[in-house]
N, C-alpha and C. Protein backbone atom coordinates (compact mmCIF):
# COMPACT_ATOMS: atom_id res chain seq x y z
N MET A 1 0.85 -1.17 0.00
CA MET A 1 0.00 0.00 0.00
C MET A 1 0.90 1.23 0.00
N ILE A 2 0.55 2.19 -0.84
CA ILE A 2 1.28 3.46 -0.91
C ILE A 2 0.32 4.56 -0.50
N PHE A 3 0.78 5.45 0.36
CA PHE A 3 -0.02 6.58 0.81
C PHE A 3 0.67 7.88 0.42
N LEU A 4 -0.11 8.84 -0.02
CA LEU A 4 0.41 10.16 -0.38
C LEU A 4 -0.59 11.20 0.08
N ARG A 5 -0.09 12.28 0.64
CA ARG A 5 -0.94 13.41 1.01
C ARG A 5 -0.25 14.67 0.50
N VAL A 6 -0.95 15.38 -0.39
CA VAL A 6 -0.41 16.62 -0.95
C VAL A 6 -1.47 17.70 -0.89
N PRO A 7 -1.06 18.98 -0.91
CA PRO A 7 -2.05 20.04 -1.00
C PRO A 7 -2.88 19.89 -2.27
N GLY A 8 -4.14 20.24 -2.20
CA GLY A 8 -5.05 20.08 -3.32
C GLY A 8 -4.96 21.18 -4.36
N THR A 9 -3.75 21.44 -4.84
CA THR A 9 -3.53 22.45 -5.88
C THR A 9 -2.81 21.81 -7.06
N LEU A 10 -2.91 22.45 -8.21
CA LEU A 10 -2.27 21.91 -9.41
C LEU A 10 -0.75 21.89 -9.31
N GLN A 11 -0.18 22.67 -8.40
CA GLN A 11 1.27 22.66 -8.21
C GLN A 11 1.78 21.29 -7.80
N TYR A 12 0.95 20.48 -7.18
CA TYR A 12 1.37 19.16 -6.68
C TYR A 12 0.92 18.02 -7.59
N ARG A 13 0.31 18.34 -8.71
CA ARG A 13 -0.18 17.32 -9.64
C ARG A 13 0.97 16.44 -10.16
N ALA A 14 2.06 17.06 -10.56
CA ALA A 14 3.18 16.29 -11.13
C ALA A 14 3.75 15.31 -10.11
N VAL A 15 3.82 15.72 -8.85
CA VAL A 15 4.32 14.83 -7.80
C VAL A 15 3.40 13.62 -7.67
N ALA A 16 2.10 13.88 -7.61
CA ALA A 16 1.13 12.79 -7.47
C ALA A 16 1.17 11.85 -8.68
N LEU A 17 1.30 12.42 -9.88
CA LEU A 17 1.38 11.58 -11.08
C LEU A 17 2.61 10.69 -11.07
N ARG A 18 3.73 11.21 -10.58
CA ARG A 18 4.95 10.40 -10.49
C ARG A 18 4.76 9.22 -9.54
N VAL A 19 4.07 9.45 -8.45
CA VAL A 19 3.83 8.38 -7.49
C VAL A 19 2.95 7.30 -8.11
N VAL A 20 1.90 7.68 -8.82
CA VAL A 20 1.03 6.70 -9.48
C VAL A 20 1.82 5.94 -10.55
N SER A 21 2.62 6.65 -11.30
CA SER A 21 3.45 6.00 -12.32
C SER A 21 4.40 4.97 -11.70
N ALA A 22 5.04 5.36 -10.60
CA ALA A 22 5.95 4.44 -9.91
C ALA A 22 5.19 3.23 -9.37
N ALA A 23 3.98 3.43 -8.87
CA ALA A 23 3.17 2.32 -8.36
C ALA A 23 2.83 1.36 -9.49
N CYS A 24 2.53 1.88 -10.67
CA CYS A 24 2.25 1.01 -11.82
C CYS A 24 3.48 0.18 -12.16
N SER A 25 4.64 0.80 -12.13
CA SER A 25 5.89 0.08 -12.43
C SER A 25 6.15 -1.01 -11.40
N LEU A 26 5.93 -0.71 -10.13
CA LEU A 26 6.12 -1.71 -9.08
C LEU A 26 5.16 -2.87 -9.24
N ALA A 27 3.92 -2.57 -9.58
CA ALA A 27 2.91 -3.62 -9.72
C ALA A 27 3.22 -4.54 -10.90
N ALA A 28 3.88 -3.99 -11.90
CA ALA A 28 4.14 -4.78 -13.12
C ALA A 28 5.50 -5.46 -13.10
N ARG A 29 6.28 -5.29 -12.08
CA ARG A 29 7.66 -5.79 -12.11
C ARG A 29 7.76 -7.31 -12.26
N ASP A 30 6.80 -8.07 -11.74
CA ASP A 30 6.84 -9.52 -11.85
C ASP A 30 5.89 -10.04 -12.94
N ARG A 31 5.45 -9.13 -13.78
CA ARG A 31 4.51 -9.50 -14.83
C ARG A 31 5.17 -9.31 -16.19
N LYS A 32 4.51 -9.78 -17.21
CA LYS A 32 5.07 -9.68 -18.55
C LYS A 32 4.24 -8.69 -19.38
N PRO A 33 4.54 -7.39 -19.29
CA PRO A 33 3.78 -6.42 -20.09
C PRO A 33 4.16 -6.52 -21.57
N THR A 34 3.25 -6.04 -22.41
CA THR A 34 3.54 -5.96 -23.83
C THR A 34 3.54 -4.50 -24.23
N PRO A 35 4.31 -4.13 -25.24
CA PRO A 35 4.44 -2.72 -25.60
C PRO A 35 3.14 -2.07 -26.04
N ASP A 36 2.19 -2.84 -26.54
CA ASP A 36 0.95 -2.25 -27.03
C ASP A 36 -0.11 -2.07 -25.94
N GLN A 37 0.19 -2.40 -24.72
CA GLN A 37 -0.79 -2.31 -23.64
C GLN A 37 -0.76 -0.92 -23.00
N PRO A 38 -1.84 -0.17 -23.08
CA PRO A 38 -1.86 1.20 -22.55
C PRO A 38 -2.21 1.29 -21.06
N PHE A 39 -2.05 0.22 -20.31
CA PHE A 39 -2.46 0.16 -18.91
C PHE A 39 -1.96 1.37 -18.11
N ASP A 40 -0.65 1.58 -18.08
CA ASP A 40 -0.09 2.68 -17.30
C ASP A 40 -0.62 4.03 -17.76
N ASP A 41 -0.57 4.26 -19.07
CA ASP A 41 -1.01 5.54 -19.61
C ASP A 41 -2.46 5.83 -19.27
N GLU A 42 -3.31 4.82 -19.38
CA GLU A 42 -4.73 5.03 -19.09
C GLU A 42 -4.97 5.32 -17.62
N LEU A 43 -4.35 4.57 -16.74
CA LEU A 43 -4.56 4.78 -15.31
C LEU A 43 -3.99 6.13 -14.87
N ILE A 44 -2.83 6.49 -15.37
CA ILE A 44 -2.22 7.77 -15.02
C ILE A 44 -3.08 8.92 -15.54
N SER A 45 -3.62 8.79 -16.76
CA SER A 45 -4.50 9.83 -17.31
C SER A 45 -5.77 9.98 -16.49
N ALA A 46 -6.38 8.86 -16.12
CA ALA A 46 -7.61 8.91 -15.31
C ALA A 46 -7.33 9.57 -13.96
N PHE A 47 -6.23 9.18 -13.32
CA PHE A 47 -5.87 9.78 -12.04
C PHE A 47 -5.62 11.28 -12.20
N GLY A 48 -4.89 11.65 -13.25
CA GLY A 48 -4.60 13.07 -13.49
C GLY A 48 -5.86 13.89 -13.66
N GLU A 49 -6.84 13.35 -14.37
CA GLU A 49 -8.11 14.06 -14.54
C GLU A 49 -8.85 14.19 -13.22
N ALA A 50 -8.84 13.13 -12.42
CA ALA A 50 -9.50 13.20 -11.11
C ALA A 50 -8.81 14.26 -10.23
N PHE A 51 -7.47 14.27 -10.25
CA PHE A 51 -6.72 15.26 -9.47
C PHE A 51 -7.08 16.67 -9.94
N ASN A 52 -7.11 16.87 -11.26
CA ASN A 52 -7.47 18.19 -11.81
C ASN A 52 -8.85 18.62 -11.31
N ASN A 53 -9.82 17.71 -11.38
CA ASN A 53 -11.18 18.06 -10.98
C ASN A 53 -11.25 18.48 -9.52
N ILE A 54 -10.49 17.81 -8.67
CA ILE A 54 -10.48 18.19 -7.26
C ILE A 54 -9.86 19.58 -7.10
N ALA A 55 -8.68 19.76 -7.68
CA ALA A 55 -7.96 21.02 -7.52
C ALA A 55 -8.70 22.20 -8.15
N ILE A 56 -9.25 22.00 -9.33
CA ILE A 56 -9.88 23.11 -10.06
C ILE A 56 -11.31 23.35 -9.61
N HIS A 57 -12.09 22.30 -9.45
CA HIS A 57 -13.51 22.45 -9.15
C HIS A 57 -13.85 22.21 -7.68
N GLY A 58 -13.30 21.15 -7.10
CA GLY A 58 -13.64 20.82 -5.72
C GLY A 58 -13.21 21.88 -4.73
N TYR A 59 -12.02 22.43 -4.93
CA TYR A 59 -11.51 23.43 -3.98
C TYR A 59 -11.71 24.87 -4.45
N ARG A 60 -12.45 25.06 -5.55
CA ARG A 60 -12.72 26.43 -6.01
C ARG A 60 -13.65 27.12 -5.01
N GLY A 61 -13.21 28.26 -4.53
CA GLY A 61 -14.03 29.06 -3.64
C GLY A 61 -14.11 28.58 -2.21
N VAL A 62 -13.37 27.55 -1.87
CA VAL A 62 -13.33 27.06 -0.50
C VAL A 62 -11.87 26.93 -0.08
N PRO A 63 -11.59 26.92 1.21
CA PRO A 63 -10.19 26.75 1.63
C PRO A 63 -9.61 25.43 1.11
N VAL A 64 -8.43 25.53 0.52
CA VAL A 64 -7.78 24.35 -0.04
C VAL A 64 -7.21 23.51 1.08
N ARG A 65 -7.55 22.25 1.04
CA ARG A 65 -6.98 21.27 1.97
C ARG A 65 -6.20 20.25 1.16
N GLU A 66 -5.97 19.11 1.73
CA GLU A 66 -5.16 18.09 1.07
C GLU A 66 -6.00 17.21 0.15
N ILE A 67 -5.25 16.49 -0.67
CA ILE A 67 -5.79 15.34 -1.40
C ILE A 67 -5.01 14.15 -0.85
N GLU A 68 -5.72 13.20 -0.31
CA GLU A 68 -5.08 11.99 0.21
C GLU A 68 -5.25 10.89 -0.83
N VAL A 69 -4.15 10.22 -1.14
CA VAL A 69 -4.16 9.18 -2.15
C VAL A 69 -3.66 7.89 -1.52
N GLU A 70 -4.38 6.82 -1.78
CA GLU A 70 -4.00 5.48 -1.31
C GLU A 70 -3.97 4.59 -2.54
N ILE A 71 -2.83 3.96 -2.78
CA ILE A 71 -2.68 3.10 -3.96
C ILE A 71 -2.43 1.68 -3.49
N GLU A 72 -3.27 0.79 -3.98
CA GLU A 72 -3.16 -0.63 -3.62
C GLU A 72 -2.92 -1.44 -4.89
N ALA A 73 -1.85 -2.20 -4.89
CA ALA A 73 -1.57 -3.11 -6.00
C ALA A 73 -2.07 -4.49 -5.61
N ALA A 74 -3.27 -4.81 -6.06
CA ALA A 74 -3.83 -6.13 -5.80
C ALA A 74 -3.24 -7.11 -6.81
N GLU A 75 -3.57 -8.37 -6.68
CA GLU A 75 -3.03 -9.40 -7.58
C GLU A 75 -3.40 -9.13 -9.03
N ASP A 76 -4.62 -8.64 -9.25
CA ASP A 76 -5.10 -8.49 -10.63
C ASP A 76 -5.49 -7.06 -11.00
N ALA A 77 -5.21 -6.08 -10.12
CA ALA A 77 -5.64 -4.71 -10.40
C ALA A 77 -4.84 -3.72 -9.57
N ILE A 78 -4.92 -2.48 -9.98
CA ILE A 78 -4.43 -1.38 -9.14
C ILE A 78 -5.66 -0.58 -8.75
N ILE A 79 -5.77 -0.29 -7.47
CA ILE A 79 -6.91 0.44 -6.93
C ILE A 79 -6.37 1.73 -6.31
N ILE A 80 -6.92 2.86 -6.74
CA ILE A 80 -6.50 4.16 -6.23
C ILE A 80 -7.70 4.81 -5.56
N ARG A 81 -7.53 5.18 -4.29
CA ARG A 81 -8.57 5.90 -3.56
C ARG A 81 -8.07 7.32 -3.34
N MET A 82 -8.92 8.28 -3.67
CA MET A 82 -8.58 9.69 -3.49
C MET A 82 -9.62 10.31 -2.57
N ALA A 83 -9.14 11.01 -1.54
CA ALA A 83 -10.05 11.68 -0.61
C ALA A 83 -9.75 13.17 -0.63
N ASP A 84 -10.82 13.97 -0.63
CA ASP A 84 -10.66 15.43 -0.56
C ASP A 84 -11.80 16.01 0.25
N TRP A 85 -11.64 17.25 0.68
CA TRP A 85 -12.62 17.93 1.51
C TRP A 85 -13.20 19.13 0.79
N GLY A 86 -13.19 19.09 -0.53
CA GLY A 86 -13.75 20.17 -1.33
C GLY A 86 -15.24 19.97 -1.56
N ARG A 87 -15.75 20.73 -2.53
CA ARG A 87 -17.16 20.62 -2.87
C ARG A 87 -17.44 19.27 -3.53
N SER A 88 -18.57 18.70 -3.21
CA SER A 88 -19.00 17.44 -3.81
C SER A 88 -19.72 17.72 -5.13
N PHE A 89 -19.90 16.68 -5.92
CA PHE A 89 -20.69 16.81 -7.13
C PHE A 89 -21.32 15.46 -7.43
N ASP A 90 -22.27 15.46 -8.35
CA ASP A 90 -22.95 14.22 -8.73
C ASP A 90 -22.19 13.59 -9.90
N PHE A 91 -21.31 12.67 -9.60
CA PHE A 91 -20.43 12.05 -10.60
C PHE A 91 -21.23 11.40 -11.72
N ASP A 92 -22.31 10.72 -11.37
CA ASP A 92 -23.09 10.00 -12.37
C ASP A 92 -23.89 10.93 -13.28
N GLU A 93 -24.09 12.15 -12.86
CA GLU A 93 -24.85 13.11 -13.67
C GLU A 93 -23.96 14.06 -14.46
N ALA A 94 -22.66 13.85 -14.45
CA ALA A 94 -21.76 14.70 -15.24
C ALA A 94 -22.12 14.54 -16.71
N PRO A 95 -22.27 15.65 -17.43
CA PRO A 95 -22.68 15.55 -18.83
C PRO A 95 -21.59 14.93 -19.71
N GLU A 96 -22.03 14.19 -20.72
CA GLU A 96 -21.10 13.62 -21.70
C GLU A 96 -20.57 14.77 -22.57
N PRO A 97 -19.29 14.77 -22.87
CA PRO A 97 -18.75 15.85 -23.71
C PRO A 97 -19.18 15.68 -25.16
N GLU A 98 -19.17 16.78 -25.88
CA GLU A 98 -19.46 16.76 -27.31
C GLU A 98 -18.22 16.27 -28.04
N LEU A 99 -18.31 15.12 -28.67
CA LEU A 99 -17.15 14.52 -29.32
C LEU A 99 -16.99 14.95 -30.78
N VAL A 100 -18.08 15.37 -31.42
CA VAL A 100 -18.01 15.75 -32.83
C VAL A 100 -17.32 17.10 -32.98
N GLU A 101 -17.78 18.08 -32.23
CA GLU A 101 -17.16 19.41 -32.24
C GLU A 101 -16.84 19.78 -30.79
N PRO A 102 -15.77 19.18 -30.25
CA PRO A 102 -15.49 19.36 -28.83
C PRO A 102 -15.08 20.80 -28.48
N GLU A 103 -15.48 21.18 -27.29
CA GLU A 103 -15.05 22.45 -26.72
C GLU A 103 -13.92 22.18 -25.76
N GLU A 104 -13.25 23.23 -25.36
CA GLU A 104 -12.17 23.10 -24.37
C GLU A 104 -12.77 22.70 -23.04
N GLY A 105 -12.24 21.66 -22.42
CA GLY A 105 -12.70 21.23 -21.10
C GLY A 105 -13.92 20.32 -21.18
N GLY A 106 -14.30 19.81 -20.01
CA GLY A 106 -15.47 18.97 -19.91
C GLY A 106 -15.23 17.49 -20.19
N PHE A 107 -13.96 17.09 -20.33
CA PHE A 107 -13.66 15.71 -20.65
C PHE A 107 -13.20 14.90 -19.44
N GLY A 108 -13.03 15.51 -18.28
CA GLY A 108 -12.45 14.83 -17.13
C GLY A 108 -13.19 13.56 -16.72
N VAL A 109 -14.46 13.66 -16.44
CA VAL A 109 -15.24 12.49 -16.00
C VAL A 109 -15.30 11.46 -17.12
N TYR A 110 -15.44 11.91 -18.35
CA TYR A 110 -15.47 11.00 -19.50
C TYR A 110 -14.18 10.17 -19.57
N ILE A 111 -13.03 10.83 -19.42
CA ILE A 111 -11.73 10.15 -19.46
C ILE A 111 -11.60 9.18 -18.28
N ILE A 112 -12.01 9.62 -17.11
CA ILE A 112 -11.93 8.75 -15.92
C ILE A 112 -12.73 7.47 -16.16
N LYS A 113 -13.95 7.60 -16.64
CA LYS A 113 -14.79 6.43 -16.89
C LYS A 113 -14.24 5.55 -18.00
N ALA A 114 -13.71 6.17 -19.06
CA ALA A 114 -13.23 5.41 -20.21
C ALA A 114 -11.95 4.66 -19.92
N PHE A 115 -11.10 5.20 -19.03
CA PHE A 115 -9.78 4.63 -18.81
C PHE A 115 -9.68 3.75 -17.57
N THR A 116 -10.78 3.55 -16.85
CA THR A 116 -10.76 2.66 -15.69
C THR A 116 -11.81 1.57 -15.90
N ASP A 117 -11.65 0.49 -15.18
CA ASP A 117 -12.63 -0.59 -15.25
C ASP A 117 -13.79 -0.37 -14.29
N GLU A 118 -13.51 0.27 -13.18
CA GLU A 118 -14.54 0.62 -12.20
C GLU A 118 -14.18 1.96 -11.60
N VAL A 119 -15.20 2.74 -11.34
CA VAL A 119 -15.00 4.01 -10.63
C VAL A 119 -16.20 4.22 -9.72
N SER A 120 -15.91 4.63 -8.51
CA SER A 120 -17.00 4.97 -7.59
C SER A 120 -16.67 6.32 -6.96
N TYR A 121 -17.72 7.03 -6.62
CA TYR A 121 -17.55 8.35 -5.99
C TYR A 121 -18.57 8.47 -4.87
N LYS A 122 -18.08 8.73 -3.67
CA LYS A 122 -18.96 8.92 -2.52
C LYS A 122 -18.76 10.34 -2.01
N PRO A 123 -19.78 11.20 -2.18
CA PRO A 123 -19.66 12.56 -1.67
C PRO A 123 -19.73 12.56 -0.15
N GLY A 124 -19.12 13.56 0.43
CA GLY A 124 -19.15 13.68 1.89
C GLY A 124 -17.96 14.45 2.38
N SER A 125 -17.64 14.25 3.61
CA SER A 125 -16.48 14.90 4.20
C SER A 125 -15.63 13.83 4.87
N PRO A 126 -14.77 13.18 4.10
CA PRO A 126 -14.30 13.59 2.77
C PRO A 126 -15.11 12.98 1.64
N ASN A 127 -14.93 13.58 0.43
CA ASN A 127 -15.37 12.95 -0.80
C ASN A 127 -14.35 11.85 -1.10
N VAL A 128 -14.81 10.71 -1.56
CA VAL A 128 -13.87 9.62 -1.87
C VAL A 128 -14.17 9.07 -3.26
N MET A 129 -13.16 9.13 -4.12
CA MET A 129 -13.25 8.54 -5.45
C MET A 129 -12.32 7.33 -5.47
N THR A 130 -12.81 6.22 -5.99
CA THR A 130 -12.01 5.01 -6.11
C THR A 130 -11.94 4.62 -7.57
N LEU A 131 -10.70 4.50 -8.06
CA LEU A 131 -10.45 4.11 -9.44
C LEU A 131 -9.86 2.70 -9.42
N THR A 132 -10.41 1.79 -10.21
CA THR A 132 -9.88 0.44 -10.31
C THR A 132 -9.54 0.16 -11.75
N LYS A 133 -8.32 -0.30 -11.97
CA LYS A 133 -7.86 -0.69 -13.31
C LYS A 133 -7.32 -2.10 -13.21
N ARG A 134 -8.00 -3.03 -13.90
CA ARG A 134 -7.56 -4.42 -13.87
C ARG A 134 -6.39 -4.62 -14.83
N MET A 135 -5.48 -5.47 -14.41
CA MET A 135 -4.34 -5.80 -15.26
C MET A 135 -4.79 -6.79 -16.33
N PRO A 136 -4.29 -6.63 -17.54
CA PRO A 136 -4.66 -7.58 -18.59
C PRO A 136 -4.21 -9.00 -18.22
N ASP A 137 -4.91 -10.00 -18.71
CA ASP A 137 -4.56 -11.39 -18.44
C ASP A 137 -3.11 -11.68 -18.76
N ARG A 138 -2.63 -11.11 -19.84
CA ARG A 138 -1.24 -11.39 -20.22
C ARG A 138 -0.23 -10.76 -19.27
N TRP A 139 -0.74 -9.89 -18.35
CA TRP A 139 0.14 -9.30 -17.36
C TRP A 139 0.20 -10.11 -16.07
N LEU A 140 -0.71 -11.04 -15.92
CA LEU A 140 -0.76 -11.78 -14.67
C LEU A 140 0.50 -12.66 -14.52
N PRO A 141 0.93 -12.89 -13.29
CA PRO A 141 2.11 -13.72 -13.08
C PRO A 141 1.91 -15.10 -13.70
N GLU A 142 3.01 -15.66 -14.18
CA GLU A 142 2.92 -16.99 -14.78
C GLU A 142 3.17 -18.06 -13.76
């Protein structure tokens, strides 16, 4: 289990992304990845979008607190839990972005859902988002 606590601002996004990237590398060390598998890129992108949403929207207009991150490398998946004390929102009601003539922004929730196998969001104090990305069968230990 890896734990990280950083201020909920975009200044700390790169630090948090490096930790998630390192966790993906650690989880895959005994597995046989293939070059065409976007596992790391997808999970890191989903996490980055979730971090952005907390920093930009969750803490907008309220005192900025931390984002707590817990990363668990299970046998067949990586599970990331993010907790924040910003404003809550209805994750399931986030509008789908316009893909034909896209505008700037509005893709965060779409990317999170598209790049993870499971995502849950529980509003409250704290808000908790859980991202689960299963490892491909070919990545499982032999």
